[in-house]
Amino acid sequence: MALLEGISSSEISELVKGDLGNCPEEEQPALLYAQHWAETEGNPHPEIRQQILNIYGERKALTIELTLRIINTANLIGNTFDLIIYYLSFGHYPVNRNVKET
């Protein structure tokens, strides 16, 4: 999806590595918050959440959090679906397609 939005492969690689150097300065707090949100399993520290509210305002901050919830839910559904297929195939369909079965 990031590629469809015009983000280059190199920029995506930098973001995955945690390098926000090429990220617009106004988006850096949101990206750091998203990382914190994921690391705390959707339970950000109240002071950090308040900083996001202060920076972006309530409407934009709530939109950021809604987006994070949607991404998290989609990931959980995808993981669950992969696991069901794995079990239904009696282990013939690998859960992690990047790992070759031996």
N, C-alpha and C. Protein backbone atom coordinates (compact mmCIF):
# COMPACT_ATOMS: atom_id res chain seq x y z
N MET A 1 0.83 -1.19 0.00
CA MET A 1 0.00 0.00 0.00
C MET A 1 0.87 1.26 0.00
N ALA A 2 1.99 1.17 0.70
CA ALA A 2 2.88 2.33 0.73
C ALA A 2 3.40 2.66 -0.67
N LEU A 3 3.72 1.62 -1.44
CA LEU A 3 4.19 1.85 -2.80
C LEU A 3 3.11 2.52 -3.65
N LEU A 4 1.85 2.10 -3.45
CA LEU A 4 0.74 2.71 -4.19
C LEU A 4 0.55 4.18 -3.84
N GLU A 5 0.95 4.54 -2.62
CA GLU A 5 0.84 5.93 -2.18
C GLU A 5 2.05 6.77 -2.60
N GLY A 6 2.99 6.15 -3.32
CA GLY A 6 4.13 6.91 -3.83
C GLY A 6 5.37 6.86 -2.97
N ILE A 7 5.37 6.04 -1.95
CA ILE A 7 6.56 5.90 -1.11
C ILE A 7 7.50 4.91 -1.80
N SER A 8 8.75 5.30 -1.98
CA SER A 8 9.70 4.46 -2.70
C SER A 8 10.13 3.26 -1.87
N SER A 9 10.65 2.24 -2.54
CA SER A 9 11.13 1.04 -1.86
C SER A 9 12.23 1.37 -0.87
N SER A 10 13.11 2.30 -1.25
CA SER A 10 14.21 2.67 -0.34
C SER A 10 13.68 3.38 0.91
N GLU A 11 12.65 4.20 0.75
CA GLU A 11 12.05 4.87 1.91
C GLU A 11 11.38 3.85 2.83
N ILE A 12 10.72 2.86 2.25
CA ILE A 12 10.10 1.81 3.05
C ILE A 12 11.16 1.04 3.82
N SER A 13 12.27 0.71 3.16
CA SER A 13 13.37 0.01 3.82
C SER A 13 13.91 0.82 5.00
N GLU A 14 14.04 2.12 4.79
CA GLU A 14 14.53 2.99 5.87
C GLU A 14 13.56 2.99 7.04
N LEU A 15 12.25 3.05 6.75
CA LEU A 15 11.26 3.05 7.82
C LEU A 15 11.28 1.74 8.59
N VAL A 16 11.43 0.63 7.87
CA VAL A 16 11.49 -0.68 8.53
C VAL A 16 12.69 -0.75 9.47
N LYS A 17 13.78 -0.11 9.09
CA LYS A 17 14.99 -0.08 9.92
C LYS A 17 14.88 0.94 11.05
N GLY A 18 13.81 1.73 11.05
CA GLY A 18 13.64 2.75 12.09
C GLY A 18 14.26 4.08 11.75
N ASP A 19 14.74 4.24 10.51
CA ASP A 19 15.36 5.49 10.08
C ASP A 19 14.29 6.43 9.57
N LEU A 20 14.05 7.51 10.29
CA LEU A 20 13.03 8.48 9.90
C LEU A 20 13.63 9.70 9.22
N GLY A 21 14.89 9.59 8.78
CA GLY A 21 15.60 10.73 8.19
C GLY A 21 14.92 11.33 6.98
N ASN A 22 14.30 10.51 6.14
CA ASN A 22 13.63 11.02 4.94
C ASN A 22 12.15 11.27 5.15
N CYS A 23 11.68 11.04 6.34
CA CYS A 23 10.27 11.24 6.66
C CYS A 23 10.02 12.73 6.90
N PRO A 24 8.90 13.24 6.37
CA PRO A 24 8.59 14.65 6.67
C PRO A 24 8.54 14.86 8.18
N GLU A 25 9.11 15.96 8.62
CA GLU A 25 9.24 16.23 10.04
C GLU A 25 7.90 16.20 10.77
N GLU A 26 6.84 16.69 10.11
CA GLU A 26 5.53 16.73 10.75
C GLU A 26 4.90 15.34 10.92
N GLU A 27 5.43 14.33 10.21
CA GLU A 27 4.90 12.97 10.32
C GLU A 27 5.70 12.11 11.30
N GLN A 28 6.86 12.55 11.70
CA GLN A 28 7.72 11.75 12.58
C GLN A 28 7.05 11.40 13.91
N PRO A 29 6.39 12.36 14.60
CA PRO A 29 5.74 11.97 15.86
C PRO A 29 4.69 10.87 15.66
N ALA A 30 3.94 10.94 14.56
CA ALA A 30 2.92 9.92 14.30
C ALA A 30 3.55 8.54 14.08
N LEU A 31 4.65 8.50 13.35
CA LEU A 31 5.33 7.22 13.11
C LEU A 31 5.93 6.66 14.39
N LEU A 32 6.51 7.52 15.19
CA LEU A 32 7.06 7.05 16.47
C LEU A 32 5.94 6.59 17.40
N TYR A 33 4.81 7.28 17.35
CA TYR A 33 3.66 6.87 18.16
C TYR A 33 3.12 5.52 17.68
N ALA A 34 3.06 5.34 16.38
CA ALA A 34 2.59 4.06 15.83
C ALA A 34 3.49 2.92 16.29
N GLN A 35 4.79 3.16 16.30
CA GLN A 35 5.72 2.14 16.78
C GLN A 35 5.49 1.86 18.26
N HIS A 36 5.36 2.91 19.05
CA HIS A 36 5.10 2.74 20.49
C HIS A 36 3.78 2.02 20.71
N TRP A 37 2.76 2.38 19.95
CA TRP A 37 1.44 1.77 20.06
C TRP A 37 1.53 0.27 19.79
N ALA A 38 2.27 -0.10 18.75
CA ALA A 38 2.42 -1.52 18.42
C ALA A 38 3.21 -2.25 19.50
N GLU A 39 4.27 -1.64 19.98
CA GLU A 39 5.11 -2.28 21.01
C GLU A 39 4.37 -2.48 22.32
N THR A 40 3.39 -1.61 22.60
CA THR A 40 2.62 -1.72 23.84
C THR A 40 1.28 -2.42 23.61
N GLU A 41 1.15 -3.04 22.43
CA GLU A 41 -0.05 -3.79 22.06
C GLU A 41 -1.31 -2.94 22.20
N GLY A 42 -1.24 -1.73 21.71
CA GLY A 42 -2.40 -0.85 21.69
C GLY A 42 -2.69 -0.15 23.00
N ASN A 43 -1.73 -0.17 23.91
CA ASN A 43 -1.90 0.50 25.21
C ASN A 43 -0.78 1.51 25.42
N PRO A 44 -0.81 2.61 24.67
CA PRO A 44 0.27 3.58 24.79
C PRO A 44 0.28 4.25 26.16
N HIS A 45 1.44 4.70 26.55
CA HIS A 45 1.59 5.43 27.81
C HIS A 45 0.74 6.70 27.72
N PRO A 46 -0.03 6.99 28.76
CA PRO A 46 -0.92 8.16 28.72
C PRO A 46 -0.22 9.48 28.37
N GLU A 47 1.00 9.68 28.85
CA GLU A 47 1.71 10.93 28.56
C GLU A 47 2.10 11.02 27.08
N ILE A 48 2.47 9.88 26.50
CA ILE A 48 2.83 9.87 25.07
C ILE A 48 1.58 10.12 24.23
N ARG A 49 0.47 9.49 24.62
CA ARG A 49 -0.79 9.72 23.90
C ARG A 49 -1.20 11.19 23.99
N GLN A 50 -1.02 11.78 25.15
CA GLN A 50 -1.37 13.20 25.32
C GLN A 50 -0.50 14.07 24.42
N GLN A 51 0.76 13.73 24.26
CA GLN A 51 1.63 14.49 23.36
C GLN A 51 1.10 14.45 21.93
N ILE A 52 0.62 13.28 21.50
CA ILE A 52 0.06 13.15 20.15
C ILE A 52 -1.20 14.01 20.02
N LEU A 53 -2.02 14.00 21.06
CA LEU A 53 -3.21 14.85 21.06
C LEU A 53 -2.82 16.33 20.95
N ASN A 54 -1.77 16.71 21.67
CA ASN A 54 -1.31 18.10 21.65
C ASN A 54 -0.75 18.49 20.28
N ILE A 55 -0.02 17.57 19.66
CA ILE A 55 0.63 17.86 18.38
C ILE A 55 -0.40 17.92 17.24
N TYR A 56 -1.28 16.93 17.17
CA TYR A 56 -2.16 16.78 16.01
C TYR A 56 -3.61 17.21 16.25
N GLY A 57 -3.98 17.41 17.49
CA GLY A 57 -5.37 17.70 17.79
C GLY A 57 -6.15 16.41 17.93
N GLU A 58 -7.32 16.51 18.56
CA GLU A 58 -8.09 15.29 18.88
C GLU A 58 -8.54 14.53 17.64
N ARG A 59 -9.06 15.22 16.66
CA ARG A 59 -9.59 14.53 15.49
C ARG A 59 -8.52 13.73 14.74
N LYS A 60 -7.39 14.37 14.47
CA LYS A 60 -6.32 13.69 13.74
C LYS A 60 -5.70 12.57 14.58
N ALA A 61 -5.54 12.80 15.88
CA ALA A 61 -4.98 11.78 16.77
C ALA A 61 -5.89 10.55 16.81
N LEU A 62 -7.20 10.79 16.88
CA LEU A 62 -8.14 9.66 16.88
C LEU A 62 -8.14 8.93 15.54
N THR A 63 -7.92 9.66 14.46
CA THR A 63 -7.81 9.04 13.14
C THR A 63 -6.56 8.16 13.07
N ILE A 64 -5.47 8.64 13.63
CA ILE A 64 -4.23 7.85 13.68
C ILE A 64 -4.48 6.56 14.46
N GLU A 65 -5.12 6.67 15.61
CA GLU A 65 -5.39 5.48 16.43
C GLU A 65 -6.36 4.52 15.74
N LEU A 66 -7.35 5.04 15.06
CA LEU A 66 -8.27 4.18 14.31
C LEU A 66 -7.53 3.42 13.22
N THR A 67 -6.64 4.11 12.54
CA THR A 67 -5.84 3.47 11.50
C THR A 67 -4.98 2.36 12.10
N LEU A 68 -4.39 2.61 13.25
CA LEU A 68 -3.56 1.60 13.91
C LEU A 68 -4.40 0.38 14.31
N ARG A 69 -5.61 0.62 14.79
CA ARG A 69 -6.50 -0.49 15.16
C ARG A 69 -6.89 -1.32 13.93
N ILE A 70 -7.17 -0.64 12.83
CA ILE A 70 -7.53 -1.35 11.60
C ILE A 70 -6.37 -2.20 11.11
N ILE A 71 -5.17 -1.64 11.11
CA ILE A 71 -3.99 -2.40 10.70
C ILE A 71 -3.78 -3.60 11.60
N ASN A 72 -3.89 -3.39 12.91
CA ASN A 72 -3.71 -4.48 13.87
C ASN A 72 -4.75 -5.58 13.66
N THR A 73 -6.00 -5.20 13.47
CA THR A 73 -7.06 -6.17 13.25
C THR A 73 -6.83 -6.96 11.96
N ALA A 74 -6.45 -6.26 10.90
CA ALA A 74 -6.17 -6.94 9.63
C ALA A 74 -5.02 -7.93 9.78
N ASN A 75 -3.99 -7.56 10.52
CA ASN A 75 -2.87 -8.47 10.75
C ASN A 75 -3.32 -9.71 11.52
N LEU A 76 -4.12 -9.50 12.55
CA LEU A 76 -4.61 -10.64 13.34
C LEU A 76 -5.49 -11.57 12.50
N ILE A 77 -6.35 -10.99 11.67
CA ILE A 77 -7.20 -11.81 10.81
C ILE A 77 -6.35 -12.59 9.82
N GLY A 78 -5.38 -11.94 9.22
CA GLY A 78 -4.48 -12.61 8.27
C GLY A 78 -3.70 -13.74 8.92
N ASN A 79 -3.17 -13.48 10.10
CA ASN A 79 -2.41 -14.52 10.82
C ASN A 79 -3.30 -15.70 11.17
N THR A 80 -4.52 -15.41 11.61
CA THR A 80 -5.45 -16.47 11.97
C THR A 80 -5.82 -17.29 10.74
N PHE A 81 -6.09 -16.62 9.63
CA PHE A 81 -6.44 -17.32 8.39
C PHE A 81 -5.29 -18.22 7.95
N ASP A 82 -4.05 -17.71 7.99
CA ASP A 82 -2.89 -18.53 7.62
C ASP A 82 -2.78 -19.77 8.50
N LEU A 83 -3.02 -19.60 9.80
CA LEU A 83 -2.92 -20.73 10.71
C LEU A 83 -4.00 -21.77 10.43
N ILE A 84 -5.21 -21.31 10.13
CA ILE A 84 -6.30 -22.24 9.79
C ILE A 84 -5.95 -23.03 8.54
N ILE A 85 -5.45 -22.35 7.51
CA ILE A 85 -5.05 -23.03 6.27
C ILE A 85 -3.93 -24.03 6.56
N TYR A 86 -3.00 -23.65 7.41
CA TYR A 86 -1.90 -24.54 7.78
C TYR A 86 -2.46 -25.82 8.41
N TYR A 87 -3.38 -25.67 9.36
CA TYR A 87 -3.95 -26.85 10.02
C TYR A 87 -4.80 -27.68 9.06
N LEU A 88 -5.59 -27.03 8.23
CA LEU A 88 -6.43 -27.75 7.28
C LEU A 88 -5.62 -28.51 6.24
N SER A 89 -4.42 -28.02 5.95
CA SER A 89 -3.56 -28.69 4.97
C SER A 89 -2.64 -29.71 5.65
N PHE A 90 -2.88 -29.96 6.94
CA PHE A 90 -2.04 -30.88 7.72
C PHE A 90 -0.56 -30.51 7.65
N GLY A 91 -0.31 -29.22 7.67
CA GLY A 91 1.07 -28.73 7.71
C GLY A 91 1.74 -28.61 6.36
N HIS A 92 1.02 -28.87 5.27
CA HIS A 92 1.62 -28.78 3.93
C HIS A 92 1.70 -27.35 3.42
N TYR A 93 0.84 -26.49 3.95
CA TYR A 93 0.87 -25.08 3.57
C TYR A 93 1.65 -24.36 4.66
N PRO A 94 2.84 -23.84 4.34
CA PRO A 94 3.64 -23.19 5.39
C PRO A 94 3.02 -21.89 5.87
N VAL A 95 3.04 -21.69 7.18
CA VAL A 95 2.52 -20.45 7.76
C VAL A 95 3.37 -19.28 7.31
N ASN A 96 4.68 -19.43 7.34
CA ASN A 96 5.60 -18.39 6.90
C ASN A 96 6.11 -18.77 5.52
N ARG A 97 5.59 -18.12 4.50
CA ARG A 97 5.94 -18.47 3.12
C ARG A 97 7.39 -18.12 2.78
N ASN A 98 8.06 -17.35 3.62
CA ASN A 98 9.45 -16.98 3.37
C ASN A 98 10.42 -18.05 3.82
N VAL A 99 9.92 -19.03 4.54
CA VAL A 99 10.78 -20.11 5.06
C VAL A 99 10.52 -21.35 4.23
N LYS A 100 11.58 -21.93 3.67
CA LYS A 100 11.42 -23.14 2.88
C LYS A 100 11.32 -24.33 3.81
N GLU A 101 10.37 -25.21 3.50
CA GLU A 101 10.22 -26.42 4.32
C GLU A 101 11.29 -27.41 3.92
N THR A 102 11.76 -28.20 4.88
CA THR A 102 12.78 -29.20 4.60
C THR A 102 12.20 -30.58 4.63
